[in-house]
């Protein structure tokens, strides 16, 4: 069974998804790939994981770095899981590039290189926005590129974190 709930952020409505224990999705309403990991007909529910996620988001949108995470269980291929694991290590207020992530993956796999475009696809399909911080990934020149929630939201999230670009 899948469950959903909503949160009203300063940047607009957010829909959260859960398997009953873990957060499995978090999307800005109307964003690209909205609800991409949901199957069937999720039921609206008030769950402890949604309350915990709401607490995290409230701290975050005050401009603070939350010191906790609700349990996360994003659904995706092993490659996407690997990329999302790297995203989770990007510190609050910092950015990295698609190419840097590709380099990390290549080193982890013991291969000479990895496609930054493949990394971009995995980043773009991240089903748990903000908590798995795909907004912290920028172009090689520090430009804001490729955020499923839209570049205005990406810019606002990075400004909230006082992240420097480039």
C-alpha atoms as a PDB file:
ATOM      1  CA  UNK A   1       0.000   0.000   0.000  1.00  0.00           C
ATOM      2  CA  UNK A   2       1.162   3.511  -0.786  1.00  0.00           C
ATOM      3  CA  UNK A   3       0.201   6.676   1.038  1.00  0.00           C
ATOM      4  CA  UNK A   4       0.419  10.373   0.252  1.00  0.00           C
ATOM      5  CA  UNK A   5       0.209  13.611   2.175  1.00  0.00           C
ATOM      6  CA  UNK A   6       0.879  17.253   1.420  1.00  0.00           C
ATOM      7  CA  UNK A   7       3.008  20.052   2.830  1.00  0.00           C
ATOM      8  CA  UNK A   8       2.714  23.729   2.006  1.00  0.00           C
ATOM      9  CA  UNK A   9       6.168  25.231   1.527  1.00  0.00           C
ATOM     10  CA  UNK A  10       7.161  28.825   0.816  1.00  0.00           C
ATOM     11  CA  UNK A  11       7.891  27.630  -2.742  1.00  0.00           C
ATOM     12  CA  UNK A  12       4.521  25.950  -3.250  1.00  0.00           C
ATOM     13  CA  UNK A  13       2.736  22.718  -2.500  1.00  0.00           C
ATOM     14  CA  UNK A  14       4.706  19.538  -1.912  1.00  0.00           C
ATOM     15  CA  UNK A  15       3.358  16.007  -2.154  1.00  0.00           C
ATOM     16  CA  UNK A  16       4.982  13.296  -0.045  1.00  0.00           C
ATOM     17  CA  UNK A  17       4.687   9.537  -0.610  1.00  0.00           C
ATOM     18  CA  UNK A  18       5.331   6.649   1.745  1.00  0.00           C
ATOM     19  CA  UNK A  19       5.183   2.876   1.947  1.00  0.00           C
ATOM     20  CA  UNK A  20       3.811   3.283   5.478  1.00  0.00           C
ATOM     21  CA  UNK A  21       7.184   3.509   7.210  1.00  0.00           C
ATOM     22  CA  UNK A  22       9.616   5.259   4.845  1.00  0.00           C
ATOM     23  CA  UNK A  23       9.463   8.342   2.697  1.00  0.00           C
ATOM     24  CA  UNK A  24       9.457   7.073  -0.892  1.00  0.00           C
ATOM     25  CA  UNK A  25       8.703  10.302  -2.735  1.00  0.00           C
ATOM     26  CA  UNK A  26       8.657  14.068  -2.339  1.00  0.00           C
ATOM     27  CA  UNK A  27       7.777  16.323  -5.254  1.00  0.00           C
ATOM     28  CA  UNK A  28       6.849  19.936  -5.788  1.00  0.00           C
ATOM     29  CA  UNK A  29       3.294  19.853  -7.109  1.00  0.00           C
ATOM     30  CA  UNK A  30       3.352  19.880 -10.901  1.00  0.00           C
ATOM     31  CA  UNK A  31       7.079  19.270 -11.288  1.00  0.00           C
ATOM     32  CA  UNK A  32       8.538  17.107 -14.025  1.00  0.00           C
ATOM     33  CA  UNK A  33       8.278  13.395 -13.129  1.00  0.00           C
ATOM     34  CA  UNK A  34       5.710  14.207 -10.411  1.00  0.00           C
ATOM     35  CA  UNK A  35       4.635  10.984  -8.699  1.00  0.00           C
ATOM     36  CA  UNK A  36       6.887   8.926 -10.962  1.00  0.00           C
ATOM     37  CA  UNK A  37       7.401   6.139  -8.430  1.00  0.00           C
ATOM     38  CA  UNK A  38       3.769   5.856  -7.357  1.00  0.00           C
ATOM     39  CA  UNK A  39       1.816   2.845  -8.519  1.00  0.00           C
ATOM     40  CA  UNK A  40      -1.904   2.237  -8.298  1.00  0.00           C
ATOM     41  CA  UNK A  41      -4.021   4.535  -6.178  1.00  0.00           C
ATOM     42  CA  UNK A  42      -2.235   5.843  -3.080  1.00  0.00           C
ATOM     43  CA  UNK A  43      -4.377   6.713  -0.092  1.00  0.00           C
ATOM     44  CA  UNK A  44      -4.190   9.996   1.797  1.00  0.00           C
ATOM     45  CA  UNK A  45      -2.960   9.388   5.311  1.00  0.00           C
ATOM     46  CA  UNK A  46      -1.348  11.106   8.258  1.00  0.00           C
ATOM     47  CA  UNK A  47       1.667   8.974   9.111  1.00  0.00           C
ATOM     48  CA  UNK A  48       4.551   9.545  11.488  1.00  0.00           C
ATOM     49  CA  UNK A  49       6.975   9.602   8.537  1.00  0.00           C
ATOM     50  CA  UNK A  50       4.980  12.477   7.025  1.00  0.00           C
ATOM     51  CA  UNK A  51       5.001  14.341  10.357  1.00  0.00           C
ATOM     52  CA  UNK A  52       8.777  13.845  10.622  1.00  0.00           C
ATOM     53  CA  UNK A  53       9.274  14.983   7.027  1.00  0.00           C
ATOM     54  CA  UNK A  54       7.134  18.052   7.716  1.00  0.00           C
ATOM     55  CA  UNK A  55       9.324  18.852  10.726  1.00  0.00           C
ATOM     56  CA  UNK A  56      12.442  18.489   8.560  1.00  0.00           C
ATOM     57  CA  UNK A  57      10.984  20.751   5.865  1.00  0.00           C
ATOM     58  CA  UNK A  58       9.940  23.381   8.431  1.00  0.00           C
ATOM     59  CA  UNK A  59      13.495  23.552   9.803  1.00  0.00           C
ATOM     60  CA  UNK A  60      14.922  23.614   6.286  1.00  0.00           C
ATOM     61  CA  UNK A  61      12.650  26.402   5.032  1.00  0.00           C
ATOM     62  CA  UNK A  62      13.688  28.539   8.038  1.00  0.00           C
ATOM     63  CA  UNK A  63      17.136  28.539   6.427  1.00  0.00           C
ATOM     64  CA  UNK A  64      18.609  26.009   8.835  1.00  0.00           C
ATOM     65  CA  UNK A  65      20.306  22.668   8.194  1.00  0.00           C
ATOM     66  CA  UNK A  66      18.154  19.947   9.807  1.00  0.00           C
ATOM     67  CA  UNK A  67      20.234  17.562  11.938  1.00  0.00           C
ATOM     68  CA  UNK A  68      17.925  14.589  11.302  1.00  0.00           C
ATOM     69  CA  UNK A  69      16.285  12.779   8.408  1.00  0.00           C
ATOM     70  CA  UNK A  70      13.103  10.750   8.245  1.00  0.00           C
ATOM     71  CA  UNK A  71      13.673   7.219   6.936  1.00  0.00           C
ATOM     72  CA  UNK A  72      14.147   7.375   3.156  1.00  0.00           C
ATOM     73  CA  UNK A  73      13.514   4.584   0.643  1.00  0.00           C
ATOM     74  CA  UNK A  74      13.659   5.979  -2.889  1.00  0.00           C
ATOM     75  CA  UNK A  75      12.667   3.553  -5.629  1.00  0.00           C
ATOM     76  CA  UNK A  76      15.002   3.243  -8.583  1.00  0.00           C
ATOM     77  CA  UNK A  77      17.569   1.177 -10.465  1.00  0.00           C
ATOM     78  CA  UNK A  78      20.900   0.257  -8.861  1.00  0.00           C
ATOM     79  CA  UNK A  79      22.621   2.974 -10.937  1.00  0.00           C
ATOM     80  CA  UNK A  80      20.144   5.628  -9.791  1.00  0.00           C
ATOM     81  CA  UNK A  81      20.495   4.447  -6.185  1.00  0.00           C
ATOM     82  CA  UNK A  82      24.256   4.856  -6.494  1.00  0.00           C
ATOM     83  CA  UNK A  83      23.897   8.413  -7.820  1.00  0.00           C
ATOM     84  CA  UNK A  84      21.339   9.320  -5.142  1.00  0.00           C
ATOM     85  CA  UNK A  85      23.727   7.980  -2.488  1.00  0.00           C
ATOM     86  CA  UNK A  86      26.333  10.466  -3.723  1.00  0.00           C
ATOM     87  CA  UNK A  87      23.754  13.286  -3.713  1.00  0.00           C
ATOM     88  CA  UNK A  88      23.036  12.582  -0.043  1.00  0.00           C
ATOM     89  CA  UNK A  89      26.698  13.330   0.745  1.00  0.00           C
ATOM     90  CA  UNK A  90      26.679  16.851  -0.750  1.00  0.00           C
ATOM     91  CA  UNK A  91      26.879  19.150   2.282  1.00  0.00           C
ATOM     92  CA  UNK A  92      24.239  21.774   3.005  1.00  0.00           C
ATOM     93  CA  UNK A  93      25.171  25.056   1.340  1.00  0.00           C
ATOM     94  CA  UNK A  94      27.597  23.436  -1.111  1.00  0.00           C
ATOM     95  CA  UNK A  95      27.272  22.438  -4.742  1.00  0.00           C
ATOM     96  CA  UNK A  96      28.890  19.896  -7.019  1.00  0.00           C
ATOM     97  CA  UNK A  97      28.721  19.211 -10.746  1.00  0.00           C
ATOM     98  CA  UNK A  98      27.381  16.365 -12.843  1.00  0.00           C
ATOM     99  CA  UNK A  99      30.953  15.768 -14.023  1.00  0.00           C
ATOM    100  CA  UNK A 100      32.275  15.518 -10.453  1.00  0.00           C
ATOM    101  CA  UNK A 101      29.608  12.935  -9.626  1.00  0.00           C
ATOM    102  CA  UNK A 102      30.508  11.025 -12.816  1.00  0.00           C
ATOM    103  CA  UNK A 103      34.155  11.047 -11.670  1.00  0.00           C
ATOM    104  CA  UNK A 104      33.211   9.668  -8.249  1.00  0.00           C
ATOM    105  CA  UNK A 105      31.192   6.883  -9.883  1.00  0.00           C
ATOM    106  CA  UNK A 106      34.045   6.033 -12.266  1.00  0.00           C
ATOM    107  CA  UNK A 107      36.504   5.796  -9.359  1.00  0.00           C
ATOM    108  CA  UNK A 108      34.075   3.656  -7.330  1.00  0.00           C
ATOM    109  CA  UNK A 109      33.700   1.292 -10.276  1.00  0.00           C
ATOM    110  CA  UNK A 110      37.382   1.285 -11.220  1.00  0.00           C
ATOM    111  CA  UNK A 111      36.714   2.522 -14.750  1.00  0.00           C
ATOM    112  CA  UNK A 112      38.326   5.423 -16.612  1.00  0.00           C
ATOM    113  CA  UNK A 113      35.204   7.554 -17.010  1.00  0.00           C
ATOM    114  CA  UNK A 114      31.450   7.757 -16.597  1.00  0.00           C
ATOM    115  CA  UNK A 115      28.920   9.738 -18.605  1.00  0.00           C
ATOM    116  CA  UNK A 116      27.891  13.004 -16.980  1.00  0.00           C
ATOM    117  CA  UNK A 117      24.709  12.770 -19.086  1.00  0.00           C
ATOM    118  CA  UNK A 118      23.828   9.420 -17.480  1.00  0.00           C
ATOM    119  CA  UNK A 119      24.402  11.024 -14.093  1.00  0.00           C
ATOM    120  CA  UNK A 120      22.136  13.905 -15.141  1.00  0.00           C
ATOM    121  CA  UNK A 121      19.354  11.476 -15.991  1.00  0.00           C
ATOM    122  CA  UNK A 122      19.611   9.815 -12.583  1.00  0.00           C
ATOM    123  CA  UNK A 123      19.752  13.178 -10.794  1.00  0.00           C
ATOM    124  CA  UNK A 124      16.698  14.385 -12.714  1.00  0.00           C
ATOM    125  CA  UNK A 125      14.688  11.310 -11.729  1.00  0.00           C
ATOM    126  CA  UNK A 126      15.430  11.651  -8.005  1.00  0.00           C
ATOM    127  CA  UNK A 127      12.050  10.891  -6.397  1.00  0.00           C
ATOM    128  CA  UNK A 128      12.804  12.583  -3.048  1.00  0.00           C
ATOM    129  CA  UNK A 129      13.501  16.224  -3.839  1.00  0.00           C
ATOM    130  CA  UNK A 130      15.211  18.492  -1.308  1.00  0.00           C
ATOM    131  CA  UNK A 131      15.989  15.727   1.239  1.00  0.00           C
ATOM    132  CA  UNK A 132      18.102  13.983  -1.401  1.00  0.00           C
ATOM    133  CA  UNK A 133      19.596  17.284  -2.549  1.00  0.00           C
ATOM    134  CA  UNK A 134      19.606  17.138  -6.347  1.00  0.00           C
ATOM    135  CA  UNK A 135      19.224  20.935  -6.333  1.00  0.00           C
ATOM    136  CA  UNK A 136      22.889  21.125  -5.244  1.00  0.00           C
ATOM    137  CA  UNK A 137      24.100  19.799  -8.599  1.00  0.00           C
ATOM    138  CA  UNK A 138      25.078  22.495 -11.080  1.00  0.00           C
ATOM    139  CA  UNK A 139      26.711  22.746 -14.490  1.00  0.00           C
ATOM    140  CA  UNK A 140      30.493  22.667 -14.866  1.00  0.00           C
ATOM    141  CA  UNK A 141      30.579  26.476 -15.023  1.00  0.00           C
ATOM    142  CA  UNK A 142      28.343  26.824 -11.954  1.00  0.00           C
ATOM    143  CA  UNK A 143      25.231  27.447 -14.041  1.00  0.00           C
ATOM    144  CA  UNK A 144      21.834  26.321 -12.825  1.00  0.00           C
ATOM    145  CA  UNK A 145      20.756  23.477 -15.061  1.00  0.00           C
ATOM    146  CA  UNK A 146      18.301  20.628 -15.025  1.00  0.00           C
ATOM    147  CA  UNK A 147      16.056  20.743 -11.974  1.00  0.00           C
ATOM    148  CA  UNK A 148      12.763  18.858 -12.275  1.00  0.00           C
ATOM    149  CA  UNK A 149      11.104  21.365  -9.934  1.00  0.00           C
ATOM    150  CA  UNK A 150      12.155  24.249 -12.179  1.00  0.00           C
ATOM    151  CA  UNK A 151      15.144  26.555 -12.166  1.00  0.00           C
ATOM    152  CA  UNK A 152      13.386  29.210 -10.068  1.00  0.00           C
ATOM    153  CA  UNK A 153      12.876  26.696  -7.268  1.00  0.00           C
ATOM    154  CA  UNK A 154      16.444  25.421  -7.614  1.00  0.00           C
ATOM    155  CA  UNK A 155      17.741  28.975  -7.355  1.00  0.00           C
ATOM    156  CA  UNK A 156      15.538  29.660  -4.311  1.00  0.00           C
ATOM    157  CA  UNK A 157      16.710  26.481  -2.541  1.00  0.00           C
ATOM    158  CA  UNK A 158      20.378  27.324  -3.134  1.00  0.00           C
ATOM    159  CA  UNK A 159      19.787  30.916  -1.969  1.00  0.00           C
ATOM    160  CA  UNK A 160      18.082  29.599   1.169  1.00  0.00           C
ATOM    161  CA  UNK A 161      21.207  27.532   1.862  1.00  0.00           C
ATOM    162  CA  UNK A 162      23.440  30.512   0.981  1.00  0.00           C
ATOM    163  CA  UNK A 163      25.260  28.219  -1.450  1.00  0.00           C
ATOM    164  CA  UNK A 164      27.989  29.725  -3.589  1.00  0.00           C
ATOM    165  CA  UNK A 165      27.989  28.831  -7.276  1.00  0.00           C
ATOM    166  CA  UNK A 166      30.998  28.202  -9.474  1.00  0.00           C
END
